[in-house]
Amino acid sequence: MSTEEQPQLWIEEPVARPRLPDPVRTAAVRAVLIVALTLIQAMVAFLCSLAGSWLAFPMVLGAVAGTVVATWAALDVWVTRQVWNQRNGVVSVPSSTARRLRKERRAARRTAHTLHAKS
C-alpha cells in the first residue's frame, strides 16, 4: 500500500479564531495553573477550618496570598495581550479600513503637495 492511498492522520481544519500568540498563551496557561492551585488551596483551608486543624490558619494565609498572585497572573495575561497587540499590530476590519483610507489620504496629500511645489 503506497503512502498516497493511506488516510491522513492529521487534517488541518480552518478555525474561526486564530491561535493566541506564544507569549499570551504562556501567560494564560500560567494564570490557569495558578488559579487552579489557589482554588485547591482555598478548599483545603476551608476543610481544615471545618476540622479544627492547626493547619487551617497557615492555609488561609496561603490562600489569601494565592488569591493575590492569581489576580496578578490574570492581569499579566491582559497586559501581555495588550503589549503583543501594540507591538505586532492587530488585523481587524475597522482598523484595516481606516489604515487604507489614511494611506489613500496621505498619498493624495503627497501628490497635491508635489503638484503645488512644482507650480
N, C-alpha and C. Protein backbone atom coordinates (compact mmCIF):
# COMPACT_ATOMS: atom_id res chain seq x y z
N MET A 1 0.85 -1.18 0.00
CA MET A 1 0.00 0.00 0.00
C MET A 1 0.89 1.24 0.00
N SER A 2 0.71 2.12 -0.92
CA SER A 2 1.55 3.30 -1.03
C SER A 2 1.08 4.38 -0.04
N THR A 3 1.93 5.38 0.12
CA THR A 3 1.60 6.45 1.06
C THR A 3 0.44 7.31 0.56
N GLU A 4 0.23 7.32 -0.76
CA GLU A 4 -0.85 8.13 -1.32
C GLU A 4 -2.23 7.54 -1.00
N GLU A 5 -2.30 6.22 -0.81
CA GLU A 5 -3.57 5.57 -0.55
C GLU A 5 -3.95 5.57 0.93
N GLN A 6 -2.96 5.79 1.81
CA GLN A 6 -3.24 5.76 3.24
C GLN A 6 -4.02 7.01 3.64
N PRO A 7 -4.96 6.85 4.56
CA PRO A 7 -5.68 8.04 5.03
C PRO A 7 -4.75 8.91 5.88
N GLN A 8 -4.96 10.19 5.82
CA GLN A 8 -4.13 11.11 6.59
C GLN A 8 -4.47 11.00 8.07
N LEU A 9 -3.43 11.05 8.89
CA LEU A 9 -3.63 11.01 10.33
C LEU A 9 -4.02 12.38 10.88
N TRP A 10 -3.49 13.41 10.25
CA TRP A 10 -3.71 14.77 10.76
C TRP A 10 -4.27 15.62 9.64
N ILE A 11 -5.44 16.17 9.84
CA ILE A 11 -6.06 17.03 8.83
C ILE A 11 -6.24 18.41 9.44
N GLU A 12 -5.62 19.39 8.80
CA GLU A 12 -5.74 20.78 9.27
C GLU A 12 -7.11 21.31 8.88
N GLU A 13 -7.84 21.81 9.84
CA GLU A 13 -9.13 22.42 9.56
C GLU A 13 -9.06 23.90 9.89
N PRO A 14 -9.63 24.75 9.05
CA PRO A 14 -9.60 26.18 9.37
C PRO A 14 -10.43 26.46 10.62
N VAL A 15 -9.94 27.36 11.44
CA VAL A 15 -10.65 27.71 12.66
C VAL A 15 -11.19 29.12 12.54
N ALA A 16 -12.22 29.39 13.32
CA ALA A 16 -12.84 30.71 13.27
C ALA A 16 -11.93 31.78 13.88
N ARG A 17 -11.24 31.40 14.98
CA ARG A 17 -10.36 32.36 15.64
C ARG A 17 -8.92 31.90 15.51
N PRO A 18 -8.01 32.81 15.22
CA PRO A 18 -6.61 32.41 15.13
C PRO A 18 -6.04 32.03 16.50
N ARG A 19 -4.98 31.29 16.49
CA ARG A 19 -4.33 30.84 17.71
C ARG A 19 -3.73 32.04 18.45
N LEU A 20 -3.73 31.97 19.77
CA LEU A 20 -3.14 33.05 20.57
C LEU A 20 -1.64 33.10 20.32
N PRO A 21 -1.05 34.28 20.36
CA PRO A 21 0.41 34.38 20.24
C PRO A 21 1.08 33.65 21.41
N ASP A 22 2.30 33.17 21.18
CA ASP A 22 3.00 32.37 22.19
C ASP A 22 3.12 33.05 23.55
N PRO A 23 3.56 34.31 23.64
CA PRO A 23 3.69 34.93 24.97
C PRO A 23 2.34 35.02 25.70
N VAL A 24 1.28 35.31 24.96
CA VAL A 24 -0.04 35.43 25.57
C VAL A 24 -0.52 34.07 26.05
N ARG A 25 -0.30 33.05 25.21
CA ARG A 25 -0.71 31.70 25.58
C ARG A 25 0.06 31.21 26.81
N THR A 26 1.35 31.51 26.87
CA THR A 26 2.16 31.13 28.03
C THR A 26 1.62 31.79 29.30
N ALA A 27 1.32 33.08 29.20
CA ALA A 27 0.77 33.79 30.37
C ALA A 27 -0.59 33.23 30.77
N ALA A 28 -1.41 32.87 29.78
CA ALA A 28 -2.74 32.32 30.08
C ALA A 28 -2.64 30.96 30.76
N VAL A 29 -1.74 30.11 30.28
CA VAL A 29 -1.56 28.80 30.90
C VAL A 29 -1.06 28.96 32.33
N ARG A 30 -0.11 29.88 32.52
CA ARG A 30 0.41 30.14 33.86
C ARG A 30 -0.70 30.60 34.78
N ALA A 31 -1.55 31.50 34.29
CA ALA A 31 -2.64 32.02 35.10
C ALA A 31 -3.64 30.92 35.46
N VAL A 32 -3.95 30.05 34.51
CA VAL A 32 -4.90 28.97 34.79
C VAL A 32 -4.35 28.03 35.85
N LEU A 33 -3.06 27.69 35.75
CA LEU A 33 -2.44 26.81 36.74
C LEU A 33 -2.44 27.45 38.13
N ILE A 34 -2.12 28.74 38.19
CA ILE A 34 -2.09 29.43 39.48
C ILE A 34 -3.49 29.50 40.08
N VAL A 35 -4.49 29.81 39.25
CA VAL A 35 -5.87 29.88 39.75
C VAL A 35 -6.32 28.50 40.25
N ALA A 36 -5.97 27.44 39.51
CA ALA A 36 -6.36 26.09 39.94
C ALA A 36 -5.72 25.73 41.28
N LEU A 37 -4.43 26.03 41.42
CA LEU A 37 -3.76 25.74 42.69
C LEU A 37 -4.33 26.58 43.83
N THR A 38 -4.69 27.81 43.55
CA THR A 38 -5.28 28.67 44.57
C THR A 38 -6.64 28.14 45.02
N LEU A 39 -7.44 27.66 44.06
CA LEU A 39 -8.73 27.09 44.43
C LEU A 39 -8.57 25.82 45.27
N ILE A 40 -7.60 25.01 44.92
CA ILE A 40 -7.33 23.81 45.73
C ILE A 40 -6.89 24.20 47.13
N GLN A 41 -6.02 25.19 47.20
CA GLN A 41 -5.52 25.64 48.50
C GLN A 41 -6.66 26.23 49.34
N ALA A 42 -7.54 26.99 48.71
CA ALA A 42 -8.68 27.56 49.44
C ALA A 42 -9.61 26.46 49.95
N MET A 43 -9.81 25.42 49.15
CA MET A 43 -10.66 24.30 49.57
C MET A 43 -10.02 23.55 50.74
N VAL A 44 -8.71 23.35 50.68
CA VAL A 44 -8.02 22.69 51.79
C VAL A 44 -8.10 23.55 53.05
N ALA A 45 -7.96 24.86 52.89
CA ALA A 45 -8.06 25.76 54.04
C ALA A 45 -9.45 25.68 54.66
N PHE A 46 -10.47 25.64 53.82
CA PHE A 46 -11.85 25.54 54.29
C PHE A 46 -12.07 24.23 55.05
N LEU A 47 -11.61 23.12 54.47
CA LEU A 47 -11.79 21.82 55.12
C LEU A 47 -10.99 21.72 56.42
N CYS A 48 -9.80 22.30 56.42
CA CYS A 48 -9.01 22.31 57.67
C CYS A 48 -9.71 23.15 58.74
N SER A 49 -10.35 24.24 58.32
CA SER A 49 -11.08 25.07 59.28
C SER A 49 -12.26 24.30 59.86
N LEU A 50 -12.96 23.55 59.01
CA LEU A 50 -14.09 22.75 59.50
C LEU A 50 -13.62 21.66 60.46
N ALA A 51 -12.46 21.11 60.18
CA ALA A 51 -11.93 20.02 61.01
C ALA A 51 -11.28 20.55 62.28
N GLY A 52 -11.04 21.85 62.34
CA GLY A 52 -10.38 22.43 63.51
C GLY A 52 -8.90 22.09 63.56
N SER A 53 -8.29 21.89 62.42
CA SER A 53 -6.88 21.51 62.35
C SER A 53 -5.99 22.74 62.59
N TRP A 54 -4.79 22.47 63.09
CA TRP A 54 -3.81 23.54 63.29
C TRP A 54 -3.34 24.11 61.96
N LEU A 55 -3.54 23.35 60.87
CA LEU A 55 -3.09 23.75 59.55
C LEU A 55 -4.02 24.79 58.90
N ALA A 56 -5.17 25.04 59.53
CA ALA A 56 -6.15 25.93 58.93
C ALA A 56 -5.61 27.35 58.77
N PHE A 57 -5.01 27.90 59.83
CA PHE A 57 -4.54 29.29 59.75
C PHE A 57 -3.45 29.47 58.69
N PRO A 58 -2.40 28.62 58.66
CA PRO A 58 -1.41 28.80 57.59
C PRO A 58 -2.00 28.61 56.19
N MET A 59 -2.97 27.71 56.06
CA MET A 59 -3.58 27.50 54.75
C MET A 59 -4.43 28.71 54.33
N VAL A 60 -5.10 29.33 55.28
CA VAL A 60 -5.89 30.53 54.96
C VAL A 60 -4.95 31.65 54.51
N LEU A 61 -3.83 31.83 55.22
CA LEU A 61 -2.86 32.84 54.81
C LEU A 61 -2.33 32.54 53.41
N GLY A 62 -2.04 31.25 53.16
CA GLY A 62 -1.57 30.86 51.83
C GLY A 62 -2.62 31.09 50.76
N ALA A 63 -3.88 30.84 51.10
CA ALA A 63 -4.97 31.05 50.13
C ALA A 63 -5.14 32.53 49.81
N VAL A 64 -4.98 33.38 50.82
CA VAL A 64 -5.08 34.83 50.58
C VAL A 64 -3.93 35.28 49.68
N ALA A 65 -2.72 34.80 49.99
CA ALA A 65 -1.57 35.14 49.15
C ALA A 65 -1.76 34.58 47.73
N GLY A 66 -2.30 33.37 47.64
CA GLY A 66 -2.57 32.78 46.33
C GLY A 66 -3.58 33.57 45.53
N THR A 67 -4.55 34.15 46.22
CA THR A 67 -5.55 34.98 45.53
C THR A 67 -4.90 36.23 44.94
N VAL A 68 -3.99 36.82 45.70
CA VAL A 68 -3.27 38.00 45.20
C VAL A 68 -2.44 37.62 43.97
N VAL A 69 -1.74 36.48 44.07
CA VAL A 69 -0.90 36.02 42.96
C VAL A 69 -1.76 35.67 41.74
N ALA A 70 -2.92 35.05 41.96
CA ALA A 70 -3.81 34.69 40.85
C ALA A 70 -4.35 35.94 40.16
N THR A 71 -4.66 36.96 40.93
CA THR A 71 -5.11 38.23 40.34
C THR A 71 -4.01 38.84 39.51
N TRP A 72 -2.79 38.81 40.04
CA TRP A 72 -1.63 39.32 39.32
C TRP A 72 -1.44 38.55 38.02
N ALA A 73 -1.61 37.23 38.06
CA ALA A 73 -1.43 36.41 36.85
C ALA A 73 -2.49 36.74 35.81
N ALA A 74 -3.73 36.98 36.25
CA ALA A 74 -4.79 37.35 35.30
C ALA A 74 -4.49 38.71 34.66
N LEU A 75 -4.00 39.65 35.46
CA LEU A 75 -3.60 40.94 34.91
C LEU A 75 -2.43 40.79 33.94
N ASP A 76 -1.54 39.86 34.24
CA ASP A 76 -0.39 39.60 33.37
C ASP A 76 -0.85 39.14 31.99
N VAL A 77 -1.88 38.31 31.95
CA VAL A 77 -2.41 37.86 30.66
C VAL A 77 -2.93 39.06 29.87
N TRP A 78 -3.69 39.91 30.54
CA TRP A 78 -4.27 41.07 29.88
C TRP A 78 -3.18 42.02 29.37
N VAL A 79 -2.19 42.31 30.22
CA VAL A 79 -1.12 43.23 29.83
C VAL A 79 -0.29 42.63 28.70
N THR A 80 0.03 41.35 28.80
CA THR A 80 0.82 40.69 27.75
C THR A 80 0.08 40.74 26.42
N ARG A 81 -1.22 40.53 26.46
CA ARG A 81 -2.03 40.59 25.23
C ARG A 81 -2.02 42.00 24.64
N GLN A 82 -2.17 43.00 25.50
CA GLN A 82 -2.17 44.39 25.02
C GLN A 82 -0.82 44.76 24.42
N VAL A 83 0.26 44.35 25.10
CA VAL A 83 1.60 44.68 24.61
C VAL A 83 1.86 43.99 23.28
N TRP A 84 1.45 42.73 23.18
CA TRP A 84 1.67 41.99 21.93
C TRP A 84 0.89 42.65 20.79
N ASN A 85 -0.36 43.03 21.06
CA ASN A 85 -1.16 43.71 20.03
C ASN A 85 -0.54 45.03 19.61
N GLN A 86 0.00 45.75 20.59
CA GLN A 86 0.59 47.05 20.27
C GLN A 86 1.86 46.89 19.45
N ARG A 87 2.68 45.89 19.80
CA ARG A 87 3.94 45.70 19.07
C ARG A 87 3.76 45.07 17.71
N ASN A 88 2.82 44.15 17.58
CA ASN A 88 2.71 43.38 16.35
C ASN A 88 1.49 43.73 15.51
N GLY A 89 0.67 44.61 16.01
CA GLY A 89 -0.49 45.02 15.24
C GLY A 89 -1.61 44.01 15.30
N VAL A 90 -2.79 44.47 15.03
CA VAL A 90 -3.96 43.61 15.06
C VAL A 90 -4.62 43.70 13.70
N VAL A 91 -5.03 42.56 13.18
CA VAL A 91 -5.73 42.56 11.91
C VAL A 91 -7.23 42.55 12.23
N SER A 92 -7.85 43.67 12.03
CA SER A 92 -9.29 43.75 12.23
C SER A 92 -9.86 44.63 11.13
N VAL A 93 -11.07 44.38 10.76
CA VAL A 93 -11.65 45.06 9.62
C VAL A 93 -11.70 46.58 9.79
N PRO A 94 -12.20 47.10 10.92
CA PRO A 94 -12.27 48.56 11.03
C PRO A 94 -10.90 49.23 10.96
N SER A 95 -9.91 48.69 11.68
CA SER A 95 -8.60 49.34 11.66
C SER A 95 -7.95 49.20 10.30
N SER A 96 -8.14 48.05 9.63
CA SER A 96 -7.57 47.87 8.30
C SER A 96 -8.20 48.86 7.32
N THR A 97 -9.51 49.06 7.44
CA THR A 97 -10.19 50.01 6.58
C THR A 97 -9.69 51.43 6.85
N ALA A 98 -9.58 51.75 8.12
CA ALA A 98 -9.09 53.08 8.49
C ALA A 98 -7.66 53.27 8.00
N ARG A 99 -6.85 52.23 8.11
CA ARG A 99 -5.46 52.32 7.67
C ARG A 99 -5.41 52.55 6.17
N ARG A 100 -6.26 51.85 5.41
CA ARG A 100 -6.28 52.00 3.96
C ARG A 100 -6.71 53.42 3.58
N LEU A 101 -7.75 53.94 4.26
CA LEU A 101 -8.21 55.30 3.97
C LEU A 101 -7.13 56.33 4.30
N ARG A 102 -6.45 56.11 5.43
CA ARG A 102 -5.39 57.02 5.82
C ARG A 102 -4.26 57.01 4.79
N LYS A 103 -3.95 55.80 4.30
CA LYS A 103 -2.89 55.66 3.29
C LYS A 103 -3.28 56.39 2.01
N GLU A 104 -4.55 56.24 1.60
CA GLU A 104 -5.03 56.93 0.40
C GLU A 104 -4.99 58.44 0.57
N ARG A 105 -5.42 58.93 1.75
CA ARG A 105 -5.38 60.37 2.01
C ARG A 105 -3.96 60.90 1.99
N ARG A 106 -3.03 60.13 2.60
CA ARG A 106 -1.63 60.54 2.62
C ARG A 106 -1.06 60.61 1.21
N ALA A 107 -1.41 59.61 0.38
CA ALA A 107 -0.92 59.60 -0.99
C ALA A 107 -1.50 60.79 -1.77
N ALA A 108 -2.79 61.09 -1.56
CA ALA A 108 -3.41 62.23 -2.24
C ALA A 108 -2.76 63.54 -1.79
N ARG A 109 -2.49 63.64 -0.49
CA ARG A 109 -1.85 64.84 0.03
C ARG A 109 -0.44 64.99 -0.56
N ARG A 110 0.26 63.88 -0.67
CA ARG A 110 1.62 63.90 -1.20
C ARG A 110 1.62 64.34 -2.66
N THR A 111 0.68 63.79 -3.46
CA THR A 111 0.62 64.19 -4.87
C THR A 111 0.20 65.66 -5.00
N ALA A 112 -0.72 66.10 -4.15
CA ALA A 112 -1.13 67.50 -4.17
C ALA A 112 0.04 68.39 -3.76
N HIS A 113 0.82 67.96 -2.82
CA HIS A 113 1.96 68.74 -2.35
C HIS A 113 3.04 68.83 -3.45
N THR A 114 3.29 67.70 -4.15
CA THR A 114 4.30 67.73 -5.20
C THR A 114 3.83 68.57 -6.38
N LEU A 115 2.51 68.52 -6.69
CA LEU A 115 1.98 69.36 -7.78
C LEU A 115 2.06 70.83 -7.41
N HIS A 116 1.76 71.14 -6.14
CA HIS A 116 1.81 72.52 -5.68
C HIS A 116 3.26 73.02 -5.66
N ALA A 117 4.19 72.16 -5.29
CA ALA A 117 5.61 72.56 -5.22
C ALA A 117 6.17 72.81 -6.62
N LYS A 118 5.70 72.10 -7.64
CA LYS A 118 6.21 72.26 -8.99
C LYS A 118 5.71 73.55 -9.64
N SER A 119 4.53 74.01 -9.25
CA SER A 119 3.95 75.20 -9.88
C SER A 119 4.40 76.47 -9.24
